[in-house]
């Protein structure tokens, strides 16, 4: 079966996000003062083959743990959709 994984990788809440801070300041400079906080992350899509959803879940978790997310500073979440 084919699956589509939609993965979001974000800095942990305890970690400073200098890129998000720069965007927030830029928004304020543009006159958009209603934004209180900005966090910048990554959105990754994977199309993969697996025998079932459980196996696909395991493959995506393994990919995130080993390569796609730096678990010291980032956290991830994902959803799977059968294609």
PDB file of N, CA and C in Angstrom:
ATOM      1  N   UNK A   1       0.844  -1.187   0.000  1.00  0.00           N
ATOM      2  CA  UNK A   1       0.000   0.000   0.000  1.00  0.00           C
ATOM      3  C   UNK A   1       0.882   1.241   0.000  1.00  0.00           C
ATOM      4  N   UNK A   2       0.373   2.286  -0.620  1.00  0.00           N
ATOM      5  CA  UNK A   2       1.058   3.575  -0.579  1.00  0.00           C
ATOM      6  C   UNK A   2       0.423   4.448   0.493  1.00  0.00           C
ATOM      7  N   UNK A   3       1.290   5.209   1.166  1.00  0.00           N
ATOM      8  CA  UNK A   3       0.843   6.144   2.187  1.00  0.00           C
ATOM      9  C   UNK A   3       1.492   7.496   1.947  1.00  0.00           C
ATOM     10  N   UNK A   4       0.779   8.536   2.335  1.00  0.00           N
ATOM     11  CA  UNK A   4       1.321   9.889   2.343  1.00  0.00           C
ATOM     12  C   UNK A   4       1.468  10.303   3.795  1.00  0.00           C
ATOM     13  N   UNK A   5       2.688  10.675   4.179  1.00  0.00           N
ATOM     14  CA  UNK A   5       2.945  11.171   5.535  1.00  0.00           C
ATOM     15  C   UNK A   5       3.140  12.674   5.462  1.00  0.00           C
ATOM     16  N   UNK A   6       2.416  13.398   6.278  1.00  0.00           N
ATOM     17  CA  UNK A   6       2.558  14.852   6.436  1.00  0.00           C
ATOM     18  C   UNK A   6       3.209  15.075   7.789  1.00  0.00           C
ATOM     19  N   UNK A   7       4.451  15.555   7.791  1.00  0.00           N
ATOM     20  CA  UNK A   7       5.250  15.672   9.010  1.00  0.00           C
ATOM     21  C   UNK A   7       5.502  17.142   9.314  1.00  0.00           C
ATOM     22  N   UNK A   8       5.282  17.530  10.547  1.00  0.00           N
ATOM     23  CA  UNK A   8       5.622  18.875  11.023  1.00  0.00           C
ATOM     24  C   UNK A   8       6.713  18.755  12.078  1.00  0.00           C
ATOM     25  N   UNK A   9       7.821  19.460  11.846  1.00  0.00           N
ATOM     26  CA  UNK A   9       8.936  19.488  12.786  1.00  0.00           C
ATOM     27  C   UNK A   9       9.040  20.923  13.296  1.00  0.00           C
ATOM     28  N   UNK A  10       8.985  21.077  14.611  1.00  0.00           N
ATOM     29  CA  UNK A  10       9.006  22.409  15.223  1.00  0.00           C
ATOM     30  C   UNK A  10      10.047  22.445  16.329  1.00  0.00           C
ATOM     31  N   UNK A  11      10.609  23.644  16.584  1.00  0.00           N
ATOM     32  CA  UNK A  11      11.508  23.759  17.740  1.00  0.00           C
ATOM     33  C   UNK A  11      10.720  23.475  19.018  1.00  0.00           C
ATOM     34  N   UNK A  12      11.372  22.841  19.979  1.00  0.00           N
ATOM     35  CA  UNK A  12      10.716  22.615  21.262  1.00  0.00           C
ATOM     36  C   UNK A  12      10.358  23.959  21.879  1.00  0.00           C
ATOM     37  N   UNK A  13       9.282  24.000  22.630  1.00  0.00           N
ATOM     38  CA  UNK A  13       8.790  25.253  23.193  1.00  0.00           C
ATOM     39  C   UNK A  13       9.818  25.926  24.101  1.00  0.00           C
ATOM     40  N   UNK A  14      10.686  25.121  24.732  1.00  0.00           N
ATOM     41  CA  UNK A  14      11.685  25.664  25.644  1.00  0.00           C
ATOM     42  C   UNK A  14      12.871  26.283  24.909  1.00  0.00           C
ATOM     43  N   UNK A  15      13.014  25.997  23.612  1.00  0.00           N
ATOM     44  CA  UNK A  15      14.159  26.443  22.818  1.00  0.00           C
ATOM     45  C   UNK A  15      13.843  27.795  22.172  1.00  0.00           C
ATOM     46  N   UNK A  16      14.786  28.717  22.238  1.00  0.00           N
ATOM     47  CA  UNK A  16      14.615  29.998  21.553  1.00  0.00           C
ATOM     48  C   UNK A  16      14.549  29.769  20.047  1.00  0.00           C
ATOM     49  N   UNK A  17      13.753  30.567  19.370  1.00  0.00           N
ATOM     50  CA  UNK A  17      13.592  30.458  17.919  1.00  0.00           C
ATOM     51  C   UNK A  17      13.987  31.794  17.294  1.00  0.00           C
ATOM     52  N   UNK A  18      15.286  32.004  16.998  1.00  0.00           N
ATOM     53  CA  UNK A  18      15.723  33.293  16.464  1.00  0.00           C
ATOM     54  C   UNK A  18      15.080  33.639  15.119  1.00  0.00           C
ATOM     55  N   UNK A  19      14.819  32.634  14.296  1.00  0.00           N
ATOM     56  CA  UNK A  19      14.169  32.900  13.009  1.00  0.00           C
ATOM     57  C   UNK A  19      12.738  33.394  13.231  1.00  0.00           C
ATOM     58  N   UNK A  20      12.028  32.765  14.157  1.00  0.00           N
ATOM     59  CA  UNK A  20      10.674  33.212  14.489  1.00  0.00           C
ATOM     60  C   UNK A  20      10.669  34.613  15.063  1.00  0.00           C
ATOM     61  N   UNK A  21      11.671  34.918  15.917  1.00  0.00           N
ATOM     62  CA  UNK A  21      11.767  36.250  16.496  1.00  0.00           C
ATOM     63  C   UNK A  21      12.006  37.293  15.410  1.00  0.00           C
ATOM     64  N   UNK A  22      12.866  36.977  14.432  1.00  0.00           N
ATOM     65  CA  UNK A  22      13.135  37.913  13.333  1.00  0.00           C
ATOM     66  C   UNK A  22      11.875  38.161  12.503  1.00  0.00           C
ATOM     67  N   UNK A  23      11.081  37.120  12.274  1.00  0.00           N
ATOM     68  CA  UNK A  23       9.841  37.287  11.512  1.00  0.00           C
ATOM     69  C   UNK A  23       8.851  38.142  12.299  1.00  0.00           C
ATOM     70  N   UNK A  24       8.749  37.902  13.623  1.00  0.00           N
ATOM     71  CA  UNK A  24       7.836  38.709  14.453  1.00  0.00           C
ATOM     72  C   UNK A  24       8.226  40.179  14.402  1.00  0.00           C
ATOM     73  N   UNK A  25       9.518  40.483  14.501  1.00  0.00           N
ATOM     74  CA  UNK A  25       9.992  41.866  14.419  1.00  0.00           C
ATOM     75  C   UNK A  25       9.695  42.449  13.039  1.00  0.00           C
ATOM     76  N   UNK A  26       9.898  41.651  11.992  1.00  0.00           N
ATOM     77  CA  UNK A  26       9.583  42.108  10.636  1.00  0.00           C
ATOM     78  C   UNK A  26       8.108  42.438  10.472  1.00  0.00           C
ATOM     79  N   UNK A  27       7.251  41.606  11.050  1.00  0.00           N
ATOM     80  CA  UNK A  27       5.810  41.874  10.981  1.00  0.00           C
ATOM     81  C   UNK A  27       5.472  43.178  11.697  1.00  0.00           C
ATOM     82  N   UNK A  28       6.086  43.394  12.855  1.00  0.00           N
ATOM     83  CA  UNK A  28       5.843  44.639  13.593  1.00  0.00           C
ATOM     84  C   UNK A  28       6.321  45.844  12.781  1.00  0.00           C
ATOM     85  N   UNK A  29       7.458  45.701  12.114  1.00  0.00           N
ATOM     86  CA  UNK A  29       7.967  46.781  11.266  1.00  0.00           C
ATOM     87  C   UNK A  29       7.028  47.085  10.100  1.00  0.00           C
ATOM     88  N   UNK A  30       6.247  46.089   9.689  1.00  0.00           N
ATOM     89  CA  UNK A  30       5.266  46.275   8.613  1.00  0.00           C
ATOM     90  C   UNK A  30       3.928  46.782   9.144  1.00  0.00           C
ATOM     91  N   UNK A  31       3.854  47.035  10.444  1.00  0.00           N
ATOM     92  CA  UNK A  31       2.622  47.551  11.030  1.00  0.00           C
ATOM     93  C   UNK A  31       1.660  46.472  11.482  1.00  0.00           C
ATOM     94  N   UNK A  32       2.093  45.216  11.488  1.00  0.00           N
ATOM     95  CA  UNK A  32       1.238  44.115  11.936  1.00  0.00           C
ATOM     96  C   UNK A  32       1.621  43.822  13.387  1.00  0.00           C
ATOM     97  N   UNK A  33       0.930  44.479  14.314  1.00  0.00           N
ATOM     98  CA  UNK A  33       1.285  44.408  15.728  1.00  0.00           C
ATOM     99  C   UNK A  33       0.463  43.377  16.503  1.00  0.00           C
ATOM    100  N   UNK A  34      -0.488  42.722  15.854  1.00  0.00           N
ATOM    101  CA  UNK A  34      -1.352  41.781  16.550  1.00  0.00           C
ATOM    102  C   UNK A  34      -0.683  40.427  16.787  1.00  0.00           C
ATOM    103  N   UNK A  35       0.448  40.152  16.131  1.00  0.00           N
ATOM    104  CA  UNK A  35       1.121  38.861  16.262  1.00  0.00           C
ATOM    105  C   UNK A  35       2.019  38.897  17.494  1.00  0.00           C
ATOM    106  N   UNK A  36       1.750  38.007  18.450  1.00  0.00           N
ATOM    107  CA  UNK A  36       2.501  37.987  19.701  1.00  0.00           C
ATOM    108  C   UNK A  36       3.727  37.081  19.635  1.00  0.00           C
ATOM    109  N   UNK A  37       3.666  36.001  18.855  1.00  0.00           N
ATOM    110  CA  UNK A  37       4.779  35.054  18.814  1.00  0.00           C
ATOM    111  C   UNK A  37       4.780  34.350  17.470  1.00  0.00           C
ATOM    112  N   UNK A  38       5.966  34.005  16.986  1.00  0.00           N
ATOM    113  CA  UNK A  38       6.124  33.266  15.734  1.00  0.00           C
ATOM    114  C   UNK A  38       7.112  32.143  15.993  1.00  0.00           C
ATOM    115  N   UNK A  39       6.769  30.944  15.560  1.00  0.00           N
ATOM    116  CA  UNK A  39       7.679  29.798  15.617  1.00  0.00           C
ATOM    117  C   UNK A  39       7.830  29.290  14.183  1.00  0.00           C
ATOM    118  N   UNK A  40       9.054  29.083  13.753  1.00  0.00           N
ATOM    119  CA  UNK A  40       9.334  28.619  12.400  1.00  0.00           C
ATOM    120  C   UNK A  40       9.769  27.160  12.469  1.00  0.00           C
ATOM    121  N   UNK A  41       9.178  26.324  11.629  1.00  0.00           N
ATOM    122  CA  UNK A  41       9.519  24.906  11.588  1.00  0.00           C
ATOM    123  C   UNK A  41       9.612  24.417  10.157  1.00  0.00           C
ATOM    124  N   UNK A  42       9.521  23.108  10.011  1.00  0.00           N
ATOM    125  CA  UNK A  42       9.599  22.463   8.701  1.00  0.00           C
ATOM    126  C   UNK A  42       8.347  21.625   8.479  1.00  0.00           C
ATOM    127  N   UNK A  43       7.892  21.597   7.236  1.00  0.00           N
ATOM    128  CA  UNK A  43       6.805  20.705   6.837  1.00  0.00           C
ATOM    129  C   UNK A  43       7.369  19.774   5.776  1.00  0.00           C
ATOM    130  N   UNK A  44       7.277  18.480   6.025  1.00  0.00           N
ATOM    131  CA  UNK A  44       7.859  17.476   5.138  1.00  0.00           C
ATOM    132  C   UNK A  44       6.759  16.512   4.717  1.00  0.00           C
ATOM    133  N   UNK A  45       6.716  16.172   3.430  1.00  0.00           N
ATOM    134  CA  UNK A  45       5.792  15.140   2.962  1.00  0.00           C
ATOM    135  C   UNK A  45       6.606  13.968   2.423  1.00  0.00           C
ATOM    136  N   UNK A  46       6.190  12.778   2.781  1.00  0.00           N
ATOM    137  CA  UNK A  46       6.811  11.554   2.295  1.00  0.00           C
ATOM    138  C   UNK A  46       5.737  10.676   1.684  1.00  0.00           C
ATOM    139  N   UNK A  47       6.017  10.094   0.545  1.00  0.00           N
ATOM    140  CA  UNK A  47       5.176   9.047  -0.019  1.00  0.00           C
ATOM    141  C   UNK A  47       5.948   7.748   0.163  1.00  0.00           C
ATOM    142  N   UNK A  48       5.328   6.764   0.784  1.00  0.00           N
ATOM    143  CA  UNK A  48       6.043   5.537   1.092  1.00  0.00           C
ATOM    144  C   UNK A  48       5.183   4.315   0.865  1.00  0.00           C
ATOM    145  N   UNK A  49       5.859   3.186   0.736  1.00  0.00           N
ATOM    146  CA  UNK A  49       5.203   1.884   0.597  1.00  0.00           C
ATOM    147  C   UNK A  49       5.302   1.149   1.918  1.00  0.00           C
ATOM    148  N   UNK A  50       4.188   0.572   2.360  1.00  0.00           N
ATOM    149  CA  UNK A  50       4.168  -0.239   3.578  1.00  0.00           C
ATOM    150  C   UNK A  50       3.031  -1.240   3.460  1.00  0.00           C
ATOM    151  N   UNK A  51       3.138  -2.334   4.200  1.00  0.00           N
ATOM    152  CA  UNK A  51       2.101  -3.365   4.157  1.00  0.00           C
ATOM    153  C   UNK A  51       0.805  -2.914   4.829  1.00  0.00           C
ATOM    154  N   UNK A  52       0.923  -2.035   5.835  1.00  0.00           N
ATOM    155  CA  UNK A  52      -0.258  -1.561   6.558  1.00  0.00           C
ATOM    156  C   UNK A  52       0.079  -0.241   7.240  1.00  0.00           C
ATOM    157  N   UNK A  53      -0.919   0.352   7.873  1.00  0.00           N
ATOM    158  CA  UNK A  53      -0.725   1.659   8.514  1.00  0.00           C
ATOM    159  C   UNK A  53       0.247   1.576   9.685  1.00  0.00           C
ATOM    160  N   UNK A  54       0.218   0.498  10.411  1.00  0.00           N
ATOM    161  CA  UNK A  54       1.129   0.329  11.541  1.00  0.00           C
ATOM    162  C   UNK A  54       2.587   0.329  11.068  1.00  0.00           C
ATOM    163  N   UNK A  55       2.871  -0.366   9.990  1.00  0.00           N
ATOM    164  CA  UNK A  55       4.224  -0.399   9.446  1.00  0.00           C
ATOM    165  C   UNK A  55       4.622   0.982   8.917  1.00  0.00           C
ATOM    166  N   UNK A  56       3.703   1.669   8.252  1.00  0.00           N
ATOM    167  CA  UNK A  56       3.982   3.017   7.748  1.00  0.00           C
ATOM    168  C   UNK A  56       4.289   3.960   8.914  1.00  0.00           C
ATOM    169  N   UNK A  57       3.520   3.849   9.986  1.00  0.00           N
ATOM    170  CA  UNK A  57       3.747   4.656  11.182  1.00  0.00           C
ATOM    171  C   UNK A  57       5.159   4.418  11.720  1.00  0.00           C
ATOM    172  N   UNK A  58       5.568   3.174  11.775  1.00  0.00           N
ATOM    173  CA  UNK A  58       6.895   2.817  12.270  1.00  0.00           C
ATOM    174  C   UNK A  58       7.996   3.383  11.358  1.00  0.00           C
ATOM    175  N   UNK A  59       7.811   3.313  10.050  1.00  0.00           N
ATOM    176  CA  UNK A  59       8.793   3.827   9.095  1.00  0.00           C
ATOM    177  C   UNK A  59       8.959   5.336   9.259  1.00  0.00           C
ATOM    178  N   UNK A  60       7.846   6.056   9.351  1.00  0.00           N
ATOM    179  CA  UNK A  60       7.904   7.515   9.469  1.00  0.00           C
ATOM    180  C   UNK A  60       8.523   7.921  10.809  1.00  0.00           C
ATOM    181  N   UNK A  61       8.135   7.259  11.881  1.00  0.00           N
ATOM    182  CA  UNK A  61       8.713   7.551  13.192  1.00  0.00           C
ATOM    183  C   UNK A  61      10.219   7.330  13.168  1.00  0.00           C
ATOM    184  N   UNK A  62      10.657   6.246  12.564  1.00  0.00           N
ATOM    185  CA  UNK A  62      12.077   5.935  12.459  1.00  0.00           C
ATOM    186  C   UNK A  62      12.810   7.012  11.650  1.00  0.00           C
ATOM    187  N   UNK A  63      12.223   7.441  10.530  1.00  0.00           N
ATOM    188  CA  UNK A  63      12.836   8.483   9.699  1.00  0.00           C
ATOM    189  C   UNK A  63      12.964   9.797  10.471  1.00  0.00           C
ATOM    190  N   UNK A  64      11.946  10.140  11.222  1.00  0.00           N
ATOM    191  CA  UNK A  64      11.981  11.384  12.009  1.00  0.00           C
ATOM    192  C   UNK A  64      13.023  11.293  13.116  1.00  0.00           C
ATOM    193  N   UNK A  65      13.047  10.174  13.815  1.00  0.00           N
ATOM    194  CA  UNK A  65      13.991  10.011  14.924  1.00  0.00           C
ATOM    195  C   UNK A  65      15.442   9.998  14.452  1.00  0.00           C
ATOM    196  N   UNK A  66      15.693   9.427  13.280  1.00  0.00           N
ATOM    197  CA  UNK A  66      17.072   9.251  12.823  1.00  0.00           C
ATOM    198  C   UNK A  66      17.585  10.370  11.932  1.00  0.00           C
ATOM    199  N   UNK A  67      16.683  11.092  11.222  1.00  0.00           N
ATOM    200  CA  UNK A  67      17.173  12.063  10.249  1.00  0.00           C
ATOM    201  C   UNK A  67      16.393  13.372  10.201  1.00  0.00           C
ATOM    202  N   UNK A  68      15.087  13.307  10.169  1.00  0.00           N
ATOM    203  CA  UNK A  68      14.290  14.488   9.835  1.00  0.00           C
ATOM    204  C   UNK A  68      14.172  15.503  10.972  1.00  0.00           C
ATOM    205  N   UNK A  69      14.302  15.053  12.213  1.00  0.00           N
ATOM    206  CA  UNK A  69      14.193  15.966  13.358  1.00  0.00           C
ATOM    207  C   UNK A  69      15.422  15.819  14.239  1.00  0.00           C
ATOM    208  N   UNK A  70      15.904  16.934  14.739  1.00  0.00           N
ATOM    209  CA  UNK A  70      16.973  16.940  15.740  1.00  0.00           C
ATOM    210  C   UNK A  70      16.288  16.900  17.101  1.00  0.00           C
ATOM    211  N   UNK A  71      16.208  15.727  17.695  1.00  0.00           N
ATOM    212  CA  UNK A  71      15.402  15.540  18.907  1.00  0.00           C
ATOM    213  C   UNK A  71      15.929  16.297  20.122  1.00  0.00           C
ATOM    214  N   UNK A  72      17.140  16.810  20.043  1.00  0.00           N
ATOM    215  CA  UNK A  72      17.666  17.628  21.136  1.00  0.00           C
ATOM    216  C   UNK A  72      16.944  18.974  21.167  1.00  0.00           C
ATOM    217  N   UNK A  73      16.600  19.496  19.980  1.00  0.00           N
ATOM    218  CA  UNK A  73      16.004  20.834  19.893  1.00  0.00           C
ATOM    219  C   UNK A  73      14.614  20.860  19.259  1.00  0.00           C
ATOM    220  N   UNK A  74      14.203  19.770  18.634  1.00  0.00           N
ATOM    221  CA  UNK A  74      12.947  19.784  17.878  1.00  0.00           C
ATOM    222  C   UNK A  74      12.035  18.646  18.314  1.00  0.00           C
ATOM    223  N   UNK A  75      10.759  18.833  18.018  1.00  0.00           N
ATOM    224  CA  UNK A  75       9.764  17.784  18.213  1.00  0.00           C
ATOM    225  C   UNK A  75       9.016  17.630  16.902  1.00  0.00           C
ATOM    226  N   UNK A  76       8.374  16.489  16.718  1.00  0.00           N
ATOM    227  CA  UNK A  76       7.664  16.254  15.464  1.00  0.00           C
ATOM    228  C   UNK A  76       6.310  15.610  15.734  1.00  0.00           C
ATOM    229  N   UNK A  77       5.440  15.798  14.765  1.00  0.00           N
ATOM    230  CA  UNK A  77       4.152  15.115  14.740  1.00  0.00           C
ATOM    231  C   UNK A  77       3.838  14.842  13.282  1.00  0.00           C
ATOM    232  N   UNK A  78       3.033  13.824  13.025  1.00  0.00           N
ATOM    233  CA  UNK A  78       2.712  13.513  11.641  1.00  0.00           C
ATOM    234  C   UNK A  78       1.353  12.860  11.537  1.00  0.00           C
ATOM    235  N   UNK A  79       0.825  12.892  10.324  1.00  0.00           N
ATOM    236  CA  UNK A  79      -0.412  12.176  10.019  1.00  0.00           C
ATOM    237  C   UNK A  79      -0.153  11.309   8.795  1.00  0.00           C
ATOM    238  N   UNK A  80      -0.874  10.227   8.704  1.00  0.00           N
ATOM    239  CA  UNK A  80      -0.752   9.299   7.571  1.00  0.00           C
ATOM    240  C   UNK A  80      -2.073   9.233   6.823  1.00  0.00           C
ATOM    241  N   UNK A  81      -1.970   9.131   5.521  1.00  0.00           N
ATOM    242  CA  UNK A  81      -3.155   8.971   4.686  1.00  0.00           C
ATOM    243  C   UNK A  81      -2.855   7.881   3.669  1.00  0.00           C
ATOM    244  N   UNK A  82      -3.733   6.892   3.570  1.00  0.00           N
ATOM    245  CA  UNK A  82      -3.580   5.850   2.556  1.00  0.00           C
ATOM    246  C   UNK A  82      -3.905   6.427   1.189  1.00  0.00           C
ATOM    247  N   UNK A  83      -3.083   6.092   0.213  1.00  0.00           N
ATOM    248  CA  UNK A  83      -3.308   6.600  -1.152  1.00  0.00           C
ATOM    249  C   UNK A  83      -3.932   5.522  -2.025  1.00  0.00           C
TER     250      UNK A  83
END
